[in-house]
Amino acid sequence: MRKQIFCAAIVAGLIGLGGYGLGGAMAQTPALLIPGVDPTKDVPGAKELPDPGIVYKIVFDLAEAAPKPGDINPGLVGVAHYVNTLGKYNIPADHRKIVVVFHRGSTPIVVNNETYKAAHDGADNPNIALIAAMKKAGVDFRVCGQSVLANKIDPKTINPDIELDLWAGMTITNLMMRGYAHLGGAL
């Protein structure tokens, strides 16, 4: 009987340590926030890890186009890796304030599928599903109005998951003044 109580106490203690002692240095593995994109790989002994006590206010600056029009923008994939890494380390949703700003070369991907297909010989916009999944995970999307004008994009054709702003320079500056860290697109 003592042996059973002792074993039960050890098991209960180990379960209780899961988020602190033994498991505290290792990330838990919840479901991916953005399906189909892996989080970053664990690095044994890494000093800096995502911290659930920090509010991650990040503005990602996506200025580059994908290598080919049929490719998913690599900057979007980098942001998805980042978001899934935060999820892997149990960063709460209210501590993930992520904004993606499209401008310059990345601007043409902001259009809805019909408009994209018309401009690309009937090919679907490969970025729409990833943008939708990221939006569902809480990522905010903006597009530079000056780039929209330069690319002759009708604002009515912009993907409804993406908001139109005056200018990427103003969006990024305003967010930085509000405490967002500025990161480039492809991580």
N, C-alpha and C. Protein backbone atom coordinates (compact mmCIF):
# COMPACT_ATOMS: atom_id res chain seq x y z
N MET A 1 0.82 -1.19 0.00
CA MET A 1 0.00 0.00 0.00
C MET A 1 0.87 1.26 0.00
N ARG A 2 1.91 1.29 0.85
CA ARG A 2 2.80 2.44 0.88
C ARG A 2 3.48 2.63 -0.47
N LYS A 3 3.86 1.51 -1.08
CA LYS A 3 4.53 1.56 -2.37
C LYS A 3 3.59 2.18 -3.42
N GLN A 4 2.30 1.83 -3.41
CA GLN A 4 1.34 2.39 -4.37
C GLN A 4 1.16 3.89 -4.14
N ILE A 5 1.05 4.30 -2.89
CA ILE A 5 0.90 5.72 -2.59
C ILE A 5 2.16 6.48 -3.01
N PHE A 6 3.34 5.91 -2.74
CA PHE A 6 4.60 6.53 -3.12
C PHE A 6 4.69 6.69 -4.64
N CYS A 7 4.33 5.64 -5.39
CA CYS A 7 4.36 5.69 -6.86
C CYS A 7 3.37 6.72 -7.38
N ALA A 8 2.17 6.75 -6.78
CA ALA A 8 1.16 7.72 -7.20
C ALA A 8 1.66 9.15 -6.95
N ALA A 9 2.34 9.37 -5.84
CA ALA A 9 2.87 10.70 -5.52
C ALA A 9 3.94 11.11 -6.52
N ILE A 10 4.78 10.17 -6.92
CA ILE A 10 5.83 10.47 -7.90
C ILE A 10 5.21 10.82 -9.25
N VAL A 11 4.24 10.03 -9.70
CA VAL A 11 3.57 10.29 -10.97
C VAL A 11 2.89 11.66 -10.94
N ALA A 12 2.16 11.95 -9.85
CA ALA A 12 1.49 13.25 -9.73
C ALA A 12 2.51 14.39 -9.75
N GLY A 13 3.63 14.19 -9.09
CA GLY A 13 4.68 15.20 -9.07
C GLY A 13 5.27 15.44 -10.45
N LEU A 14 5.52 14.37 -11.18
CA LEU A 14 6.06 14.52 -12.53
C LEU A 14 5.08 15.20 -13.47
N ILE A 15 3.80 14.86 -13.34
CA ILE A 15 2.79 15.52 -14.17
C ILE A 15 2.75 17.01 -13.83
N GLY A 16 2.81 17.33 -12.56
CA GLY A 16 2.79 18.72 -12.13
C GLY A 16 4.00 19.50 -12.61
N LEU A 17 5.14 18.83 -12.79
CA LEU A 17 6.35 19.50 -13.26
C LEU A 17 6.37 19.71 -14.77
N GLY A 18 5.43 19.13 -15.48
CA GLY A 18 5.44 19.17 -16.94
C GLY A 18 5.67 20.54 -17.52
N GLY A 19 5.03 21.58 -17.01
CA GLY A 19 5.19 22.91 -17.55
C GLY A 19 6.30 23.70 -16.91
N TYR A 20 6.94 23.17 -15.86
CA TYR A 20 7.95 23.94 -15.13
C TYR A 20 9.28 23.23 -15.11
N GLY A 21 9.44 22.32 -14.19
CA GLY A 21 10.73 21.66 -13.96
C GLY A 21 11.26 20.91 -15.16
N LEU A 22 10.88 19.67 -15.30
CA LEU A 22 11.46 18.83 -16.34
C LEU A 22 11.12 19.31 -17.74
N GLY A 23 9.88 19.73 -17.96
CA GLY A 23 9.47 20.13 -19.31
C GLY A 23 9.62 21.60 -19.58
N GLY A 24 9.98 22.41 -18.61
CA GLY A 24 10.01 23.85 -18.78
C GLY A 24 10.99 24.33 -19.85
N ALA A 25 12.11 23.64 -20.02
CA ALA A 25 13.11 24.07 -20.99
C ALA A 25 12.76 23.62 -22.40
N MET A 26 11.82 22.72 -22.50
CA MET A 26 11.45 22.20 -23.81
C MET A 26 10.07 22.71 -24.19
N ALA A 27 9.87 22.96 -25.46
CA ALA A 27 8.58 23.44 -25.92
C ALA A 27 7.55 22.32 -25.90
N GLN A 28 6.33 22.70 -25.58
CA GLN A 28 5.22 21.77 -25.70
C GLN A 28 4.89 21.68 -27.19
N THR A 29 4.12 20.72 -27.61
CA THR A 29 3.79 20.59 -29.03
C THR A 29 2.29 20.65 -29.24
N PRO A 30 1.70 21.85 -29.14
CA PRO A 30 0.28 21.98 -29.43
C PRO A 30 0.05 21.91 -30.94
N ALA A 31 -1.19 21.91 -31.35
CA ALA A 31 -1.51 21.90 -32.78
C ALA A 31 -0.93 23.16 -33.42
N LEU A 32 -0.53 23.05 -34.66
CA LEU A 32 0.03 24.20 -35.37
C LEU A 32 -1.04 25.27 -35.55
N LEU A 33 -0.67 26.52 -35.35
CA LEU A 33 -1.59 27.63 -35.58
C LEU A 33 -1.85 27.78 -37.07
N ILE A 34 -0.82 27.51 -37.87
CA ILE A 34 -0.92 27.60 -39.32
C ILE A 34 -0.55 26.23 -39.89
N PRO A 35 -1.55 25.44 -40.28
CA PRO A 35 -1.28 24.09 -40.77
C PRO A 35 -0.36 24.09 -42.00
N GLY A 36 0.48 23.08 -42.08
CA GLY A 36 1.33 22.90 -43.25
C GLY A 36 2.66 23.63 -43.20
N VAL A 37 2.90 24.41 -42.15
CA VAL A 37 4.17 25.13 -42.01
C VAL A 37 4.77 24.75 -40.67
N ASP A 38 5.98 24.24 -40.71
CA ASP A 38 6.65 23.84 -39.47
C ASP A 38 7.12 25.05 -38.68
N PRO A 39 7.13 24.93 -37.36
CA PRO A 39 7.80 25.96 -36.56
C PRO A 39 9.30 25.79 -36.73
N THR A 40 10.08 26.68 -36.16
CA THR A 40 11.53 26.52 -36.21
C THR A 40 11.92 25.27 -35.44
N LYS A 41 13.07 24.73 -35.77
CA LYS A 41 13.55 23.52 -35.10
C LYS A 41 14.16 23.88 -33.75
N ASP A 42 14.01 22.98 -32.79
CA ASP A 42 14.62 23.18 -31.48
C ASP A 42 16.14 23.15 -31.61
N VAL A 43 16.80 23.97 -30.82
CA VAL A 43 18.24 24.00 -30.77
C VAL A 43 18.64 23.74 -29.31
N PRO A 44 19.19 22.55 -29.03
CA PRO A 44 19.57 22.25 -27.65
C PRO A 44 20.52 23.31 -27.09
N GLY A 45 20.22 23.78 -25.90
CA GLY A 45 21.07 24.76 -25.23
C GLY A 45 20.84 26.20 -25.65
N ALA A 46 19.85 26.45 -26.51
CA ALA A 46 19.60 27.82 -26.96
C ALA A 46 19.23 28.71 -25.77
N LYS A 47 19.83 29.88 -25.68
CA LYS A 47 19.58 30.79 -24.57
C LYS A 47 18.25 31.52 -24.73
N GLU A 48 18.01 32.14 -25.86
CA GLU A 48 16.78 32.90 -26.08
C GLU A 48 15.72 32.01 -26.71
N LEU A 49 14.61 31.92 -26.02
CA LEU A 49 13.45 31.16 -26.48
C LEU A 49 12.22 32.06 -26.40
N PRO A 50 11.16 31.75 -27.12
CA PRO A 50 9.93 32.52 -26.95
C PRO A 50 9.49 32.51 -25.48
N ASP A 51 9.06 33.65 -25.01
CA ASP A 51 8.71 33.84 -23.61
C ASP A 51 7.23 34.18 -23.48
N PRO A 52 6.42 33.32 -22.86
CA PRO A 52 4.98 33.60 -22.72
C PRO A 52 4.67 34.89 -21.95
N GLY A 53 5.66 35.47 -21.27
CA GLY A 53 5.44 36.72 -20.54
C GLY A 53 5.62 37.96 -21.40
N ILE A 54 6.12 37.79 -22.62
CA ILE A 54 6.36 38.92 -23.53
C ILE A 54 5.18 39.04 -24.49
N VAL A 55 4.80 40.28 -24.80
CA VAL A 55 3.83 40.53 -25.87
C VAL A 55 4.65 40.77 -27.13
N TYR A 56 4.50 39.90 -28.11
CA TYR A 56 5.25 39.98 -29.36
C TYR A 56 4.51 40.88 -30.33
N LYS A 57 4.96 42.14 -30.41
CA LYS A 57 4.40 43.13 -31.33
C LYS A 57 5.41 43.27 -32.47
N ILE A 58 5.10 42.64 -33.61
CA ILE A 58 6.04 42.58 -34.72
C ILE A 58 5.34 43.05 -36.00
N VAL A 59 6.01 43.91 -36.76
CA VAL A 59 5.55 44.26 -38.10
C VAL A 59 6.56 43.69 -39.08
N PHE A 60 6.07 42.81 -39.93
CA PHE A 60 6.89 42.19 -40.97
C PHE A 60 6.74 43.01 -42.25
N ASP A 61 7.85 43.30 -42.85
CA ASP A 61 7.96 44.15 -44.02
C ASP A 61 8.19 43.25 -45.24
N LEU A 62 7.15 43.00 -46.02
CA LEU A 62 7.28 42.13 -47.20
C LEU A 62 7.36 42.98 -48.46
N ALA A 63 8.56 43.15 -48.97
CA ALA A 63 8.79 43.97 -50.15
C ALA A 63 9.16 43.14 -51.37
N GLU A 64 9.58 41.91 -51.17
CA GLU A 64 10.08 41.09 -52.27
C GLU A 64 9.00 40.17 -52.83
N ALA A 65 9.07 39.94 -54.13
CA ALA A 65 8.17 39.00 -54.79
C ALA A 65 8.74 37.59 -54.67
N ALA A 66 7.90 36.61 -54.90
CA ALA A 66 8.36 35.22 -54.98
C ALA A 66 9.22 35.09 -56.24
N PRO A 67 10.12 34.09 -56.28
CA PRO A 67 10.97 33.91 -57.48
C PRO A 67 10.15 33.76 -58.77
N LYS A 68 9.01 33.06 -58.69
CA LYS A 68 8.14 32.88 -59.85
C LYS A 68 6.71 33.20 -59.43
N PRO A 69 5.88 33.73 -60.33
CA PRO A 69 4.50 34.07 -59.96
C PRO A 69 3.70 32.91 -59.37
N GLY A 70 4.01 31.69 -59.72
CA GLY A 70 3.27 30.53 -59.20
C GLY A 70 3.73 30.06 -57.83
N ASP A 71 4.78 30.70 -57.27
CA ASP A 71 5.32 30.30 -55.96
C ASP A 71 4.66 31.10 -54.84
N ILE A 72 4.57 30.47 -53.68
CA ILE A 72 4.14 31.19 -52.49
C ILE A 72 5.25 32.15 -52.09
N ASN A 73 4.88 33.34 -51.69
CA ASN A 73 5.87 34.33 -51.29
C ASN A 73 6.68 33.81 -50.11
N PRO A 74 8.01 33.72 -50.23
CA PRO A 74 8.83 33.19 -49.13
C PRO A 74 8.76 34.02 -47.86
N GLY A 75 8.47 35.31 -47.98
CA GLY A 75 8.30 36.14 -46.80
C GLY A 75 7.09 35.71 -45.98
N LEU A 76 6.01 35.34 -46.67
CA LEU A 76 4.82 34.83 -45.97
C LEU A 76 5.14 33.54 -45.24
N VAL A 77 5.91 32.68 -45.87
CA VAL A 77 6.30 31.41 -45.23
C VAL A 77 7.14 31.70 -43.99
N GLY A 78 8.04 32.68 -44.07
CA GLY A 78 8.85 33.07 -42.92
C GLY A 78 8.00 33.56 -41.76
N VAL A 79 6.97 34.35 -42.06
CA VAL A 79 6.07 34.83 -41.01
C VAL A 79 5.31 33.65 -40.41
N ALA A 80 4.87 32.71 -41.24
CA ALA A 80 4.15 31.52 -40.74
C ALA A 80 5.04 30.69 -39.81
N HIS A 81 6.33 30.54 -40.16
CA HIS A 81 7.28 29.85 -39.27
C HIS A 81 7.32 30.56 -37.92
N TYR A 82 7.41 31.87 -37.96
CA TYR A 82 7.49 32.68 -36.74
C TYR A 82 6.25 32.48 -35.87
N VAL A 83 5.08 32.58 -36.48
CA VAL A 83 3.82 32.44 -35.74
C VAL A 83 3.71 31.03 -35.15
N ASN A 84 4.05 30.01 -35.93
CA ASN A 84 3.98 28.64 -35.41
C ASN A 84 5.00 28.38 -34.31
N THR A 85 6.14 29.07 -34.37
CA THR A 85 7.12 28.94 -33.29
C THR A 85 6.55 29.55 -32.00
N LEU A 86 5.90 30.69 -32.11
CA LEU A 86 5.26 31.28 -30.92
C LEU A 86 4.21 30.33 -30.36
N GLY A 87 3.42 29.72 -31.25
CA GLY A 87 2.41 28.75 -30.81
C GLY A 87 3.03 27.53 -30.16
N LYS A 88 4.12 27.05 -30.73
CA LYS A 88 4.81 25.87 -30.20
C LYS A 88 5.27 26.11 -28.76
N TYR A 89 5.66 27.33 -28.46
CA TYR A 89 6.13 27.68 -27.12
C TYR A 89 5.02 28.29 -26.25
N ASN A 90 3.79 28.03 -26.65
CA ASN A 90 2.61 28.42 -25.86
C ASN A 90 2.49 29.91 -25.58
N ILE A 91 2.86 30.73 -26.56
CA ILE A 91 2.64 32.16 -26.42
C ILE A 91 1.14 32.40 -26.62
N PRO A 92 0.46 32.97 -25.62
CA PRO A 92 -0.99 33.15 -25.74
C PRO A 92 -1.38 34.05 -26.92
N ALA A 93 -2.56 33.85 -27.44
CA ALA A 93 -3.04 34.62 -28.59
C ALA A 93 -2.97 36.12 -28.32
N ASP A 94 -3.30 36.55 -27.11
CA ASP A 94 -3.28 37.98 -26.83
C ASP A 94 -1.86 38.54 -26.64
N HIS A 95 -0.86 37.67 -26.75
CA HIS A 95 0.54 38.10 -26.72
C HIS A 95 1.18 38.02 -28.11
N ARG A 96 0.37 37.74 -29.12
CA ARG A 96 0.85 37.67 -30.51
C ARG A 96 0.18 38.78 -31.31
N LYS A 97 0.88 39.87 -31.52
CA LYS A 97 0.39 41.03 -32.29
C LYS A 97 1.27 41.13 -33.54
N ILE A 98 0.86 40.44 -34.58
CA ILE A 98 1.67 40.33 -35.79
C ILE A 98 0.97 41.05 -36.94
N VAL A 99 1.71 41.92 -37.62
CA VAL A 99 1.20 42.64 -38.79
C VAL A 99 2.15 42.39 -39.95
N VAL A 100 1.59 42.08 -41.12
CA VAL A 100 2.37 41.92 -42.35
C VAL A 100 2.01 43.08 -43.27
N VAL A 101 3.03 43.77 -43.78
CA VAL A 101 2.82 44.88 -44.70
C VAL A 101 3.39 44.51 -46.07
N PHE A 102 2.51 44.46 -47.07
CA PHE A 102 2.92 44.19 -48.45
C PHE A 102 3.22 45.52 -49.14
N HIS A 103 4.32 45.57 -49.86
CA HIS A 103 4.62 46.73 -50.71
C HIS A 103 5.65 46.32 -51.75
N ARG A 104 6.00 47.24 -52.61
CA ARG A 104 6.93 47.01 -53.71
C ARG A 104 6.64 45.70 -54.44
N GLY A 105 7.61 44.79 -54.55
CA GLY A 105 7.47 43.58 -55.35
C GLY A 105 6.42 42.59 -54.86
N SER A 106 6.08 42.64 -53.59
CA SER A 106 5.09 41.67 -53.07
C SER A 106 3.65 42.10 -53.34
N THR A 107 3.44 43.33 -53.77
CA THR A 107 2.09 43.88 -53.90
C THR A 107 1.15 43.08 -54.81
N PRO A 108 1.59 42.58 -55.95
CA PRO A 108 0.63 41.89 -56.84
C PRO A 108 -0.07 40.67 -56.24
N ILE A 109 0.44 40.11 -55.15
CA ILE A 109 -0.21 38.92 -54.57
C ILE A 109 -1.40 39.27 -53.69
N VAL A 110 -1.67 40.55 -53.47
CA VAL A 110 -2.75 40.94 -52.56
C VAL A 110 -4.14 40.86 -53.20
N VAL A 111 -4.21 40.60 -54.48
CA VAL A 111 -5.51 40.59 -55.16
C VAL A 111 -6.26 39.27 -54.93
N ASN A 112 -7.57 39.33 -55.14
CA ASN A 112 -8.39 38.13 -55.01
C ASN A 112 -8.04 37.13 -56.12
N ASN A 113 -8.54 35.94 -56.01
CA ASN A 113 -8.15 34.87 -56.94
C ASN A 113 -8.57 35.15 -58.38
N GLU A 114 -9.77 35.70 -58.58
CA GLU A 114 -10.23 35.98 -59.95
C GLU A 114 -9.30 36.96 -60.66
N THR A 115 -8.91 38.01 -59.95
CA THR A 115 -8.03 39.03 -60.53
C THR A 115 -6.64 38.44 -60.79
N TYR A 116 -6.14 37.65 -59.87
CA TYR A 116 -4.83 37.02 -60.04
C TYR A 116 -4.85 36.09 -61.26
N LYS A 117 -5.91 35.28 -61.36
CA LYS A 117 -6.02 34.34 -62.49
C LYS A 117 -6.03 35.08 -63.82
N ALA A 118 -6.75 36.18 -63.88
CA ALA A 118 -6.82 36.96 -65.12
C ALA A 118 -5.44 37.49 -65.53
N ALA A 119 -4.61 37.80 -64.56
CA ALA A 119 -3.28 38.34 -64.85
C ALA A 119 -2.21 37.26 -65.03
N HIS A 120 -2.53 35.99 -64.68
CA HIS A 120 -1.53 34.92 -64.72
C HIS A 120 -2.01 33.69 -65.48
N ASP A 121 -2.59 33.90 -66.65
CA ASP A 121 -2.99 32.81 -67.54
C ASP A 121 -3.83 31.74 -66.85
N GLY A 122 -4.74 32.16 -65.98
CA GLY A 122 -5.65 31.22 -65.32
C GLY A 122 -5.09 30.53 -64.09
N ALA A 123 -3.86 30.85 -63.70
CA ALA A 123 -3.26 30.22 -62.51
C ALA A 123 -3.83 30.85 -61.24
N ASP A 124 -4.12 29.99 -60.25
CA ASP A 124 -4.63 30.47 -58.97
C ASP A 124 -3.55 31.23 -58.20
N ASN A 125 -3.98 32.13 -57.34
CA ASN A 125 -3.07 32.85 -56.46
C ASN A 125 -2.62 31.87 -55.37
N PRO A 126 -1.36 31.46 -55.37
CA PRO A 126 -0.89 30.44 -54.42
C PRO A 126 -0.78 30.95 -52.98
N ASN A 127 -0.97 32.24 -52.77
CA ASN A 127 -0.80 32.84 -51.45
C ASN A 127 -2.10 32.93 -50.65
N ILE A 128 -3.23 32.78 -51.31
CA ILE A 128 -4.52 33.02 -50.65
C ILE A 128 -4.76 32.08 -49.47
N ALA A 129 -4.50 30.80 -49.63
CA ALA A 129 -4.75 29.85 -48.54
C ALA A 129 -3.87 30.15 -47.32
N LEU A 130 -2.61 30.48 -47.57
CA LEU A 130 -1.70 30.79 -46.46
C LEU A 130 -2.13 32.08 -45.76
N ILE A 131 -2.51 33.08 -46.53
CA ILE A 131 -2.99 34.34 -45.93
C ILE A 131 -4.23 34.07 -45.08
N ALA A 132 -5.16 33.28 -45.59
CA ALA A 132 -6.39 32.96 -44.84
C ALA A 132 -6.06 32.22 -43.54
N ALA A 133 -5.15 31.26 -43.60
CA ALA A 133 -4.77 30.50 -42.40
C ALA A 133 -4.09 31.41 -41.37
N MET A 134 -3.25 32.31 -41.86
CA MET A 134 -2.56 33.23 -40.97
C MET A 134 -3.55 34.23 -40.36
N LYS A 135 -4.50 34.69 -41.15
CA LYS A 135 -5.52 35.60 -40.64
C LYS A 135 -6.32 34.92 -39.52
N LYS A 136 -6.66 33.65 -39.74
CA LYS A 136 -7.38 32.87 -38.73
C LYS A 136 -6.55 32.74 -37.45
N ALA A 137 -5.24 32.71 -37.58
CA ALA A 137 -4.33 32.61 -36.43
C ALA A 137 -4.08 33.97 -35.78
N GLY A 138 -4.70 35.04 -36.30
CA GLY A 138 -4.60 36.35 -35.68
C GLY A 138 -3.65 37.32 -36.33
N VAL A 139 -3.08 36.98 -37.48
CA VAL A 139 -2.16 37.88 -38.17
C VAL A 139 -2.98 38.93 -38.93
N ASP A 140 -2.53 40.18 -38.87
CA ASP A 140 -3.17 41.31 -39.54
C ASP A 140 -2.38 41.61 -40.81
N PHE A 141 -3.09 41.88 -41.90
CA PHE A 141 -2.43 42.15 -43.19
C PHE A 141 -2.79 43.54 -43.69
N ARG A 142 -1.77 44.23 -44.22
CA ARG A 142 -1.94 45.57 -44.79
C ARG A 142 -1.22 45.62 -46.13
N VAL A 143 -1.69 46.49 -47.00
CA VAL A 143 -0.99 46.71 -48.26
C VAL A 143 -0.79 48.21 -48.45
N CYS A 144 0.35 48.56 -49.00
CA CYS A 144 0.72 49.94 -49.28
C CYS A 144 -0.15 50.50 -50.40
N GLY A 145 -0.86 51.58 -50.13
CA GLY A 145 -1.70 52.21 -51.14
C GLY A 145 -0.90 52.76 -52.30
N GLN A 146 0.32 53.23 -52.04
CA GLN A 146 1.15 53.75 -53.12
C GLN A 146 1.57 52.63 -54.07
N SER A 147 1.84 51.44 -53.52
CA SER A 147 2.17 50.29 -54.37
C SER A 147 0.95 49.80 -55.14
N VAL A 148 -0.22 49.89 -54.51
CA VAL A 148 -1.46 49.52 -55.21
C VAL A 148 -1.66 50.45 -56.41
N LEU A 149 -1.46 51.75 -56.20
CA LEU A 149 -1.58 52.71 -57.31
C LEU A 149 -0.54 52.43 -58.40
N ALA A 150 0.72 52.21 -58.00
CA ALA A 150 1.81 51.97 -58.95
C ALA A 150 1.57 50.70 -59.77
N ASN A 151 0.94 49.69 -59.15
CA ASN A 151 0.65 48.43 -59.85
C ASN A 151 -0.70 48.45 -60.55
N LYS A 152 -1.38 49.58 -60.51
CA LYS A 152 -2.69 49.74 -61.15
C LYS A 152 -3.69 48.67 -60.69
N ILE A 153 -3.71 48.43 -59.38
CA ILE A 153 -4.63 47.45 -58.79
C ILE A 153 -5.89 48.18 -58.36
N ASP A 154 -7.03 47.68 -58.79
CA ASP A 154 -8.31 48.24 -58.35
C ASP A 154 -8.51 47.84 -56.89
N PRO A 155 -8.66 48.80 -55.98
CA PRO A 155 -8.83 48.46 -54.57
C PRO A 155 -9.98 47.47 -54.31
N LYS A 156 -10.97 47.44 -55.17
CA LYS A 156 -12.09 46.50 -55.01
C LYS A 156 -11.66 45.05 -55.22
N THR A 157 -10.49 44.84 -55.83
CA THR A 157 -10.03 43.48 -56.12
C THR A 157 -9.06 42.95 -55.07
N ILE A 158 -8.79 43.76 -54.03
CA ILE A 158 -7.87 43.32 -52.97
C ILE A 158 -8.54 42.24 -52.14
N ASN A 159 -7.79 41.20 -51.83
CA ASN A 159 -8.23 40.10 -50.96
C ASN A 159 -8.88 40.72 -49.71
N PRO A 160 -10.08 40.29 -49.35
CA PRO A 160 -10.75 40.89 -48.18
C PRO A 160 -10.03 40.67 -46.85
N ASP A 161 -9.04 39.78 -46.80
CA ASP A 161 -8.25 39.58 -45.58
C ASP A 161 -7.16 40.64 -45.42
N ILE A 162 -7.03 41.52 -46.43
CA ILE A 162 -5.95 42.51 -46.44
C ILE A 162 -6.55 43.91 -46.45
N GLU A 163 -6.04 44.76 -45.55
CA GLU A 163 -6.51 46.15 -45.48
C GLU A 163 -5.60 47.06 -46.29
N LEU A 164 -6.20 48.07 -46.92
CA LEU A 164 -5.48 49.05 -47.72
C LEU A 164 -5.08 50.23 -46.82
N ASP A 165 -3.79 50.56 -46.81
CA ASP A 165 -3.28 51.71 -46.06
C ASP A 165 -2.76 52.75 -47.04
N LEU A 166 -2.49 53.94 -46.56
CA LEU A 166 -1.98 55.03 -47.39
C LEU A 166 -0.63 54.69 -48.01
N TRP A 167 0.29 54.19 -47.16
CA TRP A 167 1.67 54.03 -47.61
C TRP A 167 2.40 53.12 -46.63
N ALA A 168 3.17 52.18 -47.12
CA ALA A 168 3.92 51.26 -46.25
C ALA A 168 4.82 52.03 -45.29
N GLY A 169 5.44 53.10 -45.78
CA GLY A 169 6.31 53.91 -44.93
C GLY A 169 5.58 54.47 -43.72
N MET A 170 4.32 54.82 -43.90
CA MET A 170 3.53 55.36 -42.78
C MET A 170 3.06 54.23 -41.87
N THR A 171 2.61 53.13 -42.45
CA THR A 171 2.13 52.00 -41.65
C THR A 171 3.24 51.47 -40.75
N ILE A 172 4.39 51.23 -41.33
CA ILE A 172 5.52 50.68 -40.56
C ILE A 172 5.97 51.66 -39.50
N THR A 173 6.08 52.94 -39.85
CA THR A 173 6.49 53.96 -38.88
C THR A 173 5.48 54.06 -37.74
N ASN A 174 4.19 54.14 -38.07
CA ASN A 174 3.16 54.24 -37.02
C ASN A 174 3.21 53.05 -36.08
N LEU A 175 3.34 51.85 -36.63
CA LEU A 175 3.39 50.65 -35.78
C LEU A 175 4.64 50.64 -34.91
N MET A 176 5.77 51.06 -35.46
CA MET A 176 6.99 51.13 -34.66
C MET A 176 6.83 52.13 -33.52
N MET A 177 6.18 53.26 -33.79
CA MET A 177 5.94 54.27 -32.75
C MET A 177 4.99 53.73 -31.67
N ARG A 178 4.19 52.72 -32.03
CA ARG A 178 3.29 52.08 -31.07
C ARG A 178 3.94 50.88 -30.39
N GLY A 179 5.25 50.70 -30.59
CA GLY A 179 5.98 49.66 -29.88
C GLY A 179 6.19 48.36 -30.64
N TYR A 180 5.89 48.33 -31.94
CA TYR A 180 6.14 47.13 -32.74
C TYR A 180 7.59 47.10 -33.17
N ALA A 181 8.18 45.90 -33.15
CA ALA A 181 9.52 45.70 -33.70
C ALA A 181 9.38 45.46 -35.20
N HIS A 182 10.31 45.96 -35.98
CA HIS A 182 10.27 45.86 -37.44
C HIS A 182 11.20 44.76 -37.92
N LEU A 183 10.64 43.77 -38.62
CA LEU A 183 11.44 42.69 -39.18
C LEU A 183 11.20 42.61 -40.68
N GLY A 184 12.25 42.22 -41.41
CA GLY A 184 12.10 41.97 -42.83
C GLY A 184 11.27 40.72 -43.05
N GLY A 185 10.90 40.46 -44.28
CA GLY A 185 9.98 39.37 -44.59
C GLY A 185 10.51 37.97 -44.45
N ALA A 186 11.52 37.62 -45.22
CA ALA A 186 12.01 36.23 -45.22
C ALA A 186 12.96 36.04 -44.06
N LEU A 187 12.56 35.23 -43.10
CA LEU A 187 13.41 34.98 -41.94
C LEU A 187 14.31 33.80 -42.16
